[in-house]
Amino acid sequence: MLIESIIHYIYIALAGIFGIMLLVKVFKREKRQGIVYDIVYAYCCVPFLMRLLGIK
């Protein structure tokens, strides 16, 4: 049970790190600034945000 909790917290931390990295990249892009790329970044960020909020 303890190992399961530890793995869960590591997973949440990694999801948060990757989500933050993706959000930073959205606003600091110099190339590929079209609406299609915004949609792709949003599509990638949503699962990380949902995991952070506990939504499955």
PDB file of N, CA and C in Angstrom:
ATOM      1  N   MET A   1       0.824  -1.189   0.000  1.00  0.00           N
ATOM      2  CA  MET A   1       0.000   0.000   0.000  1.00  0.00           C
ATOM      3  C   MET A   1       0.872   1.257   0.000  1.00  0.00           C
ATOM      4  N   LEU A   2       1.950   1.229   0.732  1.00  0.00           N
ATOM      5  CA  LEU A   2       2.858   2.374   0.799  1.00  0.00           C
ATOM      6  C   LEU A   2       3.519   2.611  -0.555  1.00  0.00           C
ATOM      7  N   ILE A   3       3.937   1.550  -1.211  1.00  0.00           N
ATOM      8  CA  ILE A   3       4.585   1.676  -2.515  1.00  0.00           C
ATOM      9  C   ILE A   3       3.600   2.240  -3.545  1.00  0.00           C
ATOM     10  N   GLU A   4       2.339   1.818  -3.454  1.00  0.00           N
ATOM     11  CA  GLU A   4       1.320   2.338  -4.372  1.00  0.00           C
ATOM     12  C   GLU A   4       1.139   3.842  -4.183  1.00  0.00           C
ATOM     13  N   SER A   5       1.143   4.309  -2.963  1.00  0.00           N
ATOM     14  CA  SER A   5       1.017   5.741  -2.686  1.00  0.00           C
ATOM     15  C   SER A   5       2.228   6.512  -3.208  1.00  0.00           C
ATOM     16  N   ILE A   6       3.407   5.948  -3.015  1.00  0.00           N
ATOM     17  CA  ILE A   6       4.623   6.600  -3.483  1.00  0.00           C
ATOM     18  C   ILE A   6       4.609   6.715  -5.005  1.00  0.00           C
ATOM     19  N   ILE A   7       4.232   5.639  -5.682  1.00  0.00           N
ATOM     20  CA  ILE A   7       4.163   5.653  -7.147  1.00  0.00           C
ATOM     21  C   ILE A   7       3.129   6.666  -7.622  1.00  0.00           C
ATOM     22  N   HIS A   8       2.009   6.737  -6.921  1.00  0.00           N
ATOM     23  CA  HIS A   8       0.971   7.699  -7.287  1.00  0.00           C
ATOM     24  C   HIS A   8       1.485   9.135  -7.169  1.00  0.00           C
ATOM     25  N   TYR A   9       2.185   9.458  -6.097  1.00  0.00           N
ATOM     26  CA  TYR A   9       2.706  10.805  -5.921  1.00  0.00           C
ATOM     27  C   TYR A   9       3.790  11.128  -6.948  1.00  0.00           C
ATOM     28  N   ILE A  10       4.611  10.153  -7.289  1.00  0.00           N
ATOM     29  CA  ILE A  10       5.622  10.364  -8.329  1.00  0.00           C
ATOM     30  C   ILE A  10       4.948  10.636  -9.666  1.00  0.00           C
ATOM     31  N   TYR A  11       3.893   9.881  -9.956  1.00  0.00           N
ATOM     32  CA  TYR A  11       3.160  10.067 -11.205  1.00  0.00           C
ATOM     33  C   TYR A  11       2.543  11.460 -11.271  1.00  0.00           C
ATOM     34  N   ILE A  12       1.937  11.897 -10.192  1.00  0.00           N
ATOM     35  CA  ILE A  12       1.331  13.230 -10.142  1.00  0.00           C
ATOM     36  C   ILE A  12       2.409  14.302 -10.314  1.00  0.00           C
ATOM     37  N   ALA A  13       3.554  14.124  -9.676  1.00  0.00           N
ATOM     38  CA  ALA A  13       4.643  15.100  -9.798  1.00  0.00           C
ATOM     39  C   ALA A  13       5.153  15.172 -11.235  1.00  0.00           C
ATOM     40  N   LEU A  14       5.343  14.027 -11.865  1.00  0.00           N
ATOM     41  CA  LEU A  14       5.808  14.022 -13.249  1.00  0.00           C
ATOM     42  C   LEU A  14       4.771  14.640 -14.187  1.00  0.00           C
ATOM     43  N   ALA A  15       3.506  14.339 -13.963  1.00  0.00           N
ATOM     44  CA  ALA A  15       2.446  14.938 -14.777  1.00  0.00           C
ATOM     45  C   ALA A  15       2.456  16.460 -14.621  1.00  0.00           C
ATOM     46  N   GLY A  16       2.672  16.933 -13.426  1.00  0.00           N
ATOM     47  CA  GLY A  16       2.739  18.370 -13.190  1.00  0.00           C
ATOM     48  C   GLY A  16       3.931  19.011 -13.880  1.00  0.00           C
ATOM     49  N   ILE A  17       5.079  18.361 -13.787  1.00  0.00           N
ATOM     50  CA  ILE A  17       6.288  18.889 -14.425  1.00  0.00           C
ATOM     51  C   ILE A  17       6.108  18.974 -15.939  1.00  0.00           C
ATOM     52  N   PHE A  18       5.618  17.875 -16.537  1.00  0.00           N
ATOM     53  CA  PHE A  18       5.427  17.879 -17.980  1.00  0.00           C
ATOM     54  C   PHE A  18       4.342  18.870 -18.406  1.00  0.00           C
ATOM     55  N   GLY A  19       3.294  18.980 -17.618  1.00  0.00           N
ATOM     56  CA  GLY A  19       2.245  19.946 -17.922  1.00  0.00           C
ATOM     57  C   GLY A  19       2.750  21.375 -17.893  1.00  0.00           C
ATOM     58  N   ILE A  20       3.548  21.698 -16.903  1.00  0.00           N
ATOM     59  CA  ILE A  20       4.119  23.048 -16.793  1.00  0.00           C
ATOM     60  C   ILE A  20       5.075  23.314 -17.941  1.00  0.00           C
ATOM     61  N   MET A  21       5.891  22.306 -18.292  1.00  0.00           N
ATOM     62  CA  MET A  21       6.805  22.480 -19.423  1.00  0.00           C
ATOM     63  C   MET A  21       6.042  22.752 -20.717  1.00  0.00           C
ATOM     64  N   LEU A  22       4.949  22.029 -20.933  1.00  0.00           N
ATOM     65  CA  LEU A  22       4.154  22.245 -22.140  1.00  0.00           C
ATOM     66  C   LEU A  22       3.517  23.631 -22.143  1.00  0.00           C
ATOM     67  N   LEU A  23       3.005  24.059 -20.997  1.00  0.00           N
ATOM     68  CA  LEU A  23       2.388  25.390 -20.934  1.00  0.00           C
ATOM     69  C   LEU A  23       3.404  26.497 -21.180  1.00  0.00           C
ATOM     70  N   VAL A  24       4.625  26.326 -20.673  1.00  0.00           N
ATOM     71  CA  VAL A  24       5.666  27.324 -20.905  1.00  0.00           C
ATOM     72  C   VAL A  24       6.018  27.372 -22.385  1.00  0.00           C
ATOM     73  N   LYS A  25       6.113  26.209 -23.012  1.00  0.00           N
ATOM     74  CA  LYS A  25       6.453  26.156 -24.439  1.00  0.00           C
ATOM     75  C   LYS A  25       5.373  26.801 -25.301  1.00  0.00           C
ATOM     76  N   VAL A  26       4.129  26.752 -24.874  1.00  0.00           N
ATOM     77  CA  VAL A  26       3.052  27.368 -25.652  1.00  0.00           C
ATOM     78  C   VAL A  26       3.291  28.868 -25.798  1.00  0.00           C
ATOM     79  N   PHE A  27       3.720  29.517 -24.730  1.00  0.00           N
ATOM     80  CA  PHE A  27       3.862  30.965 -24.743  1.00  0.00           C
ATOM     81  C   PHE A  27       5.231  31.448 -25.207  1.00  0.00           C
ATOM     82  N   LYS A  28       6.218  30.559 -25.297  1.00  0.00           N
ATOM     83  CA  LYS A  28       7.563  30.976 -25.689  1.00  0.00           C
ATOM     84  C   LYS A  28       7.970  30.426 -27.051  1.00  0.00           C
ATOM     85  N   ARG A  29       7.012  30.113 -27.890  1.00  0.00           N
ATOM     86  CA  ARG A  29       7.340  29.580 -29.208  1.00  0.00           C
ATOM     87  C   ARG A  29       7.748  30.703 -30.142  1.00  0.00           C
ATOM     88  N   GLU A  30       8.802  30.457 -30.891  1.00  0.00           N
ATOM     89  CA  GLU A  30       9.213  31.404 -31.921  1.00  0.00           C
ATOM     90  C   GLU A  30       8.849  30.860 -33.293  1.00  0.00           C
ATOM     91  N   LYS A  31       8.819  29.559 -33.423  1.00  0.00           N
ATOM     92  CA  LYS A  31       8.429  28.922 -34.674  1.00  0.00           C
ATOM     93  C   LYS A  31       7.102  28.210 -34.450  1.00  0.00           C
ATOM     94  N   ARG A  32       6.433  27.886 -35.524  1.00  0.00           N
ATOM     95  CA  ARG A  32       5.179  27.124 -35.469  1.00  0.00           C
ATOM     96  C   ARG A  32       4.144  27.799 -34.571  1.00  0.00           C
ATOM     97  N   GLN A  33       3.753  28.989 -34.924  1.00  0.00           N
ATOM     98  CA  GLN A  33       2.835  29.753 -34.089  1.00  0.00           C
ATOM     99  C   GLN A  33       1.390  29.714 -34.570  1.00  0.00           C
ATOM    100  N   GLY A  34       1.034  28.769 -35.402  1.00  0.00           N
ATOM    101  CA  GLY A  34      -0.317  28.713 -35.933  1.00  0.00           C
ATOM    102  C   GLY A  34      -1.326  28.155 -34.944  1.00  0.00           C
ATOM    103  N   ILE A  35      -2.597  28.278 -35.305  1.00  0.00           N
ATOM    104  CA  ILE A  35      -3.693  27.799 -34.457  1.00  0.00           C
ATOM    105  C   ILE A  35      -3.663  26.284 -34.324  1.00  0.00           C
ATOM    106  N   VAL A  36      -3.196  25.597 -35.359  1.00  0.00           N
ATOM    107  CA  VAL A  36      -3.121  24.136 -35.299  1.00  0.00           C
ATOM    108  C   VAL A  36      -2.171  23.699 -34.199  1.00  0.00           C
ATOM    109  N   TYR A  37      -1.058  24.374 -34.058  1.00  0.00           N
ATOM    110  CA  TYR A  37      -0.097  24.030 -33.010  1.00  0.00           C
ATOM    111  C   TYR A  37      -0.651  24.356 -31.626  1.00  0.00           C
ATOM    112  N   ASP A  38      -1.454  25.410 -31.522  1.00  0.00           N
ATOM    113  CA  ASP A  38      -2.116  25.707 -30.254  1.00  0.00           C
ATOM    114  C   ASP A  38      -3.048  24.566 -29.855  1.00  0.00           C
ATOM    115  N   ILE A  39      -3.774  24.039 -30.822  1.00  0.00           N
ATOM    116  CA  ILE A  39      -4.687  22.926 -30.544  1.00  0.00           C
ATOM    117  C   ILE A  39      -3.910  21.687 -30.121  1.00  0.00           C
ATOM    118  N   VAL A  40      -2.796  21.428 -30.795  1.00  0.00           N
ATOM    119  CA  VAL A  40      -1.974  20.262 -30.442  1.00  0.00           C
ATOM    120  C   VAL A  40      -1.421  20.403 -29.033  1.00  0.00           C
ATOM    121  N   TYR A  41      -0.923  21.582 -28.682  1.00  0.00           N
ATOM    122  CA  TYR A  41      -0.412  21.791 -27.329  1.00  0.00           C
ATOM    123  C   TYR A  41      -1.535  21.639 -26.296  1.00  0.00           C
ATOM    124  N   ALA A  42      -2.700  22.170 -26.591  1.00  0.00           N
ATOM    125  CA  ALA A  42      -3.821  22.031 -25.667  1.00  0.00           C
ATOM    126  C   ALA A  42      -4.212  20.569 -25.511  1.00  0.00           C
ATOM    127  N   TYR A  43      -4.208  19.839 -26.606  1.00  0.00           N
ATOM    128  CA  TYR A  43      -4.548  18.411 -26.571  1.00  0.00           C
ATOM    129  C   TYR A  43      -3.540  17.640 -25.717  1.00  0.00           C
ATOM    130  N   CYS A  44      -2.291  18.070 -25.721  1.00  0.00           N
ATOM    131  CA  CYS A  44      -1.263  17.417 -24.908  1.00  0.00           C
ATOM    132  C   CYS A  44      -1.346  17.841 -23.443  1.00  0.00           C
ATOM    133  N   CYS A  45      -1.758  19.073 -23.182  1.00  0.00           N
ATOM    134  CA  CYS A  45      -1.803  19.584 -21.804  1.00  0.00           C
ATOM    135  C   CYS A  45      -3.010  19.087 -21.029  1.00  0.00           C
ATOM    136  N   VAL A  46      -4.118  18.853 -21.690  1.00  0.00           N
ATOM    137  CA  VAL A  46      -5.353  18.483 -21.002  1.00  0.00           C
ATOM    138  C   VAL A  46      -5.207  17.221 -20.151  1.00  0.00           C
ATOM    139  N   PRO A  47      -4.622  16.121 -20.661  1.00  0.00           N
ATOM    140  CA  PRO A  47      -4.494  14.932 -19.800  1.00  0.00           C
ATOM    141  C   PRO A  47      -3.660  15.184 -18.538  1.00  0.00           C
ATOM    142  N   PHE A  48      -2.605  15.989 -18.668  1.00  0.00           N
ATOM    143  CA  PHE A  48      -1.789  16.288 -17.492  1.00  0.00           C
ATOM    144  C   PHE A  48      -2.577  17.104 -16.475  1.00  0.00           C
ATOM    145  N   LEU A  49      -3.323  18.062 -16.944  1.00  0.00           N
ATOM    146  CA  LEU A  49      -4.137  18.879 -16.033  1.00  0.00           C
ATOM    147  C   LEU A  49      -5.240  18.050 -15.373  1.00  0.00           C
ATOM    148  N   MET A  50      -5.833  17.145 -16.140  1.00  0.00           N
ATOM    149  CA  MET A  50      -6.871  16.295 -15.568  1.00  0.00           C
ATOM    150  C   MET A  50      -6.314  15.379 -14.483  1.00  0.00           C
ATOM    151  N   ARG A  51      -5.117  14.849 -14.713  1.00  0.00           N
ATOM    152  CA  ARG A  51      -4.494  14.008 -13.688  1.00  0.00           C
ATOM    153  C   ARG A  51      -4.165  14.803 -12.445  1.00  0.00           C
ATOM    154  N   LEU A  52      -3.694  16.026 -12.618  1.00  0.00           N
ATOM    155  CA  LEU A  52      -3.387  16.853 -11.463  1.00  0.00           C
ATOM    156  C   LEU A  52      -4.630  17.182 -10.639  1.00  0.00           C
ATOM    157  N   LEU A  53      -5.756  17.338 -11.329  1.00  0.00           N
ATOM    158  CA  LEU A  53      -7.002  17.635 -10.632  1.00  0.00           C
ATOM    159  C   LEU A  53      -7.707  16.387 -10.121  1.00  0.00           C
ATOM    160  N   GLY A  54      -7.192  15.219 -10.484  1.00  0.00           N
ATOM    161  CA  GLY A  54      -7.774  13.966 -10.008  1.00  0.00           C
ATOM    162  C   GLY A  54      -8.936  13.466 -10.836  1.00  0.00           C
ATOM    163  N   ILE A  55      -9.110  13.991 -12.033  1.00  0.00           N
ATOM    164  CA  ILE A  55     -10.175  13.570 -12.921  1.00  0.00           C
ATOM    165  C   ILE A  55      -9.634  12.451 -13.803  1.00  0.00           C
ATOM    166  N   LYS A  56     -10.374  11.347 -13.874  1.00  0.00           N
ATOM    167  CA  LYS A  56      -9.877  10.219 -14.684  1.00  0.00           C
ATOM    168  C   LYS A  56     -10.536  10.190 -16.014  1.00  0.00           C
TER     169      LYS A  56
END
